[in-house]
Amino acid sequence: MTEDAASIDRQQLMQEALEEYASRSDDQLDWILGLVRHRLGAARRMGVEIPEGLAERVSRLSAKRGWPIDQPQP
């Protein structure tokens, strides 16, 4: 498998994971918030598109916990 093919596979897996997180309720998302925050950061570094509304929900839930709010990198 070439490096490009491996990269596409990882990006596809990340996209699927983010879509799964986006489909969760706020209560479920809050339960795995640390993991989701980590995955959002990794997805941004990989150039994977974040599902609409997921970053905002994670920021809102993080603020409720008093955690620093992640800012997307340009």
C-alpha atoms as a PDB file:
ATOM      1  CA  MET A   1       0.000   0.000   0.000  1.00  0.00           C
ATOM      2  CA  THR A   2       1.397   3.355  -0.944  1.00  0.00           C
ATOM      3  CA  GLU A   3       1.688   6.189   1.552  1.00  0.00           C
ATOM      4  CA  ASP A   4      -1.095   8.096  -0.260  1.00  0.00           C
ATOM      5  CA  ALA A   5      -3.459   5.126  -0.007  1.00  0.00           C
ATOM      6  CA  ALA A   6      -2.704   4.703   3.692  1.00  0.00           C
ATOM      7  CA  SER A   7      -3.327   8.412   4.239  1.00  0.00           C
ATOM      8  CA  ILE A   8      -6.677   8.248   2.455  1.00  0.00           C
ATOM      9  CA  ASP A   9      -7.684   5.248   4.556  1.00  0.00           C
ATOM     10  CA  ARG A  10      -6.815   7.096   7.789  1.00  0.00           C
ATOM     11  CA  GLN A  11      -8.684  10.181   6.621  1.00  0.00           C
ATOM     12  CA  GLN A  12     -11.739   8.095   5.731  1.00  0.00           C
ATOM     13  CA  LEU A  13     -11.672   6.360   9.118  1.00  0.00           C
ATOM     14  CA  MET A  14     -11.350   9.726  10.869  1.00  0.00           C
ATOM     15  CA  GLN A  15     -14.265  11.145   8.863  1.00  0.00           C
ATOM     16  CA  GLU A  16     -16.423   8.156   9.827  1.00  0.00           C
ATOM     17  CA  ALA A  17     -15.498   8.530  13.504  1.00  0.00           C
ATOM     18  CA  LEU A  18     -16.372  12.241  13.454  1.00  0.00           C
ATOM     19  CA  GLU A  19     -19.722  11.523  11.814  1.00  0.00           C
ATOM     20  CA  GLU A  20     -20.442   8.972  14.545  1.00  0.00           C
ATOM     21  CA  TYR A  21     -19.628  11.549  17.243  1.00  0.00           C
ATOM     22  CA  ALA A  22     -21.815  14.126  15.511  1.00  0.00           C
ATOM     23  CA  SER A  23     -24.769  11.718  15.611  1.00  0.00           C
ATOM     24  CA  ARG A  24     -24.546  11.358  19.409  1.00  0.00           C
ATOM     25  CA  SER A  25     -26.730  13.255  21.867  1.00  0.00           C
ATOM     26  CA  ASP A  26     -25.154  15.987  23.980  1.00  0.00           C
ATOM     27  CA  ASP A  27     -25.239  13.684  27.030  1.00  0.00           C
ATOM     28  CA  GLN A  28     -23.401  10.941  25.139  1.00  0.00           C
ATOM     29  CA  LEU A  29     -20.962  13.428  23.641  1.00  0.00           C
ATOM     30  CA  ASP A  30     -20.246  14.904  27.069  1.00  0.00           C
ATOM     31  CA  TRP A  31     -19.366  11.423  28.349  1.00  0.00           C
ATOM     32  CA  ILE A  32     -16.586  11.038  25.728  1.00  0.00           C
ATOM     33  CA  LEU A  33     -15.705  14.721  25.466  1.00  0.00           C
ATOM     34  CA  GLY A  34     -11.960  14.330  26.062  1.00  0.00           C
ATOM     35  CA  LEU A  35     -11.671  11.751  23.300  1.00  0.00           C
ATOM     36  CA  VAL A  36     -13.727  13.825  20.881  1.00  0.00           C
ATOM     37  CA  ARG A  37     -11.630  16.953  21.571  1.00  0.00           C
ATOM     38  CA  HIS A  38      -8.485  14.944  20.833  1.00  0.00           C
ATOM     39  CA  ARG A  39      -9.978  13.562  17.623  1.00  0.00           C
ATOM     40  CA  LEU A  40     -11.053  17.029  16.451  1.00  0.00           C
ATOM     41  CA  GLY A  41      -7.495  18.286  16.865  1.00  0.00           C
ATOM     42  CA  ALA A  42      -6.109  15.304  14.964  1.00  0.00           C
ATOM     43  CA  ALA A  43      -8.716  15.715  12.216  1.00  0.00           C
ATOM     44  CA  ARG A  44      -7.794  19.371  11.773  1.00  0.00           C
ATOM     45  CA  ARG A  45      -4.111  18.460  11.461  1.00  0.00           C
ATOM     46  CA  MET A  46      -4.989  15.763   8.893  1.00  0.00           C
ATOM     47  CA  GLY A  47      -7.156  18.149   6.882  1.00  0.00           C
ATOM     48  CA  VAL A  48     -10.332  16.130   7.479  1.00  0.00           C
ATOM     49  CA  GLU A  49     -13.595  18.056   7.227  1.00  0.00           C
ATOM     50  CA  ILE A  50     -15.372  18.438  10.583  1.00  0.00           C
ATOM     51  CA  PRO A  51     -19.119  17.619  10.446  1.00  0.00           C
ATOM     52  CA  GLU A  52     -21.287  20.724  10.700  1.00  0.00           C
ATOM     53  CA  GLY A  53     -22.071  21.702  14.271  1.00  0.00           C
ATOM     54  CA  LEU A  54     -19.739  19.200  15.948  1.00  0.00           C
ATOM     55  CA  ALA A  55     -16.988  21.701  16.801  1.00  0.00           C
ATOM     56  CA  GLU A  56     -19.539  24.150  18.206  1.00  0.00           C
ATOM     57  CA  ARG A  57     -21.148  21.463  20.372  1.00  0.00           C
ATOM     58  CA  VAL A  58     -17.741  20.353  21.680  1.00  0.00           C
ATOM     59  CA  SER A  59     -16.813  23.970  22.458  1.00  0.00           C
ATOM     60  CA  ARG A  60     -20.087  24.514  24.305  1.00  0.00           C
ATOM     61  CA  LEU A  61     -19.733  21.328  26.350  1.00  0.00           C
ATOM     62  CA  SER A  62     -16.089  22.128  27.101  1.00  0.00           C
ATOM     63  CA  ALA A  63     -17.053  25.580  28.354  1.00  0.00           C
ATOM     64  CA  LYS A  64     -19.630  23.993  30.690  1.00  0.00           C
ATOM     65  CA  ARG A  65     -16.794  21.944  32.209  1.00  0.00           C
ATOM     66  CA  GLY A  66     -14.522  24.972  32.424  1.00  0.00           C
ATOM     67  CA  TRP A  67     -12.100  23.460  29.919  1.00  0.00           C
ATOM     68  CA  PRO A  68     -10.231  25.766  27.527  1.00  0.00           C
ATOM     69  CA  ILE A  69     -12.030  26.144  24.235  1.00  0.00           C
ATOM     70  CA  ASP A  70     -10.095  24.880  21.229  1.00  0.00           C
ATOM     71  CA  GLN A  71      -9.737  27.311  18.383  1.00  0.00           C
ATOM     72  CA  PRO A  72      -9.556  25.919  14.856  1.00  0.00           C
ATOM     73  CA  GLN A  73      -6.195  26.520  13.233  1.00  0.00           C
ATOM     74  CA  PRO A  74      -6.278  28.303   9.872  1.00  0.00           C
END
